Amino acid sequence: MINFLAWHNTLFLVSIFVGVMIAIGAATGGLDLDGDADMGDGGTGDAGGDGARHGILGFLDLGQIPFTVLVMVASIVFGVVGIACSLASASILGLDTGWLGWLWVGIAFVVMIFLTTRIARLIIKHIPASETHVVSKADLVGLRATMFTSRYADVNQGGTVHRLACACETDDLEPGMNVEVLDYDPETKVYTVRPVLGT
């Protein structure tokens, strides 16, 4: 019989709980997947010195998937696979303790790495575009934004706030400054903005 109090099963159950709570929060509007998307796509990274992180994201194909969705899917997959291994062990071998816990954690981790992005992409495809990050980056061009720091600006699009990595060729940007989004560079993932005078 499976021992739900074993350390590894507790870990799996907590992982499932976290994933389910994130899913509930997203479904009820308590979590903003749009904002996470821009962060996952480079919005909150260092535009000039974050190449290593973007390289890792690109290798794992994570760059276009919101961080919230990734955590949700990874947590549920890890927990479900781990519990399934424990159940199979208890049914077939009649035990679920000791070194087996480490084996199930290892298997669950490998399966999580393999399946997370695939499942996340399927989920994103079935979320209405008006409620998710699946909008063209060009849609934000032409909108007004407010500088959050000297390098990042917040754009309010239909009640959803997107945080953008941005740069200006002619002026210094300061927190609180109102700017207009002029262009987006898909290579650097940086928006070109200019100050809006008289606002």
Foldseek 3Di string as FASTA:
>chain_A
DFDCPAPLNVQLVVLQVVLVVLVVCLVVVVDAQQQQQLVLQPFPPDLPPPVVVVVVCVVLVRSRFGPSLLSNQLSNQLSVQLVVQRVVCCVPVVDRDDPNSVVSNVVSNVVSSVCRVVVRVVVVVPDPPVRHNPDDPCVQAFFKWFAQAQFWTWTQDPNDIYIGGEDEDPDGRGGGFMWGFHDADSVSRYTYIDTDPPD
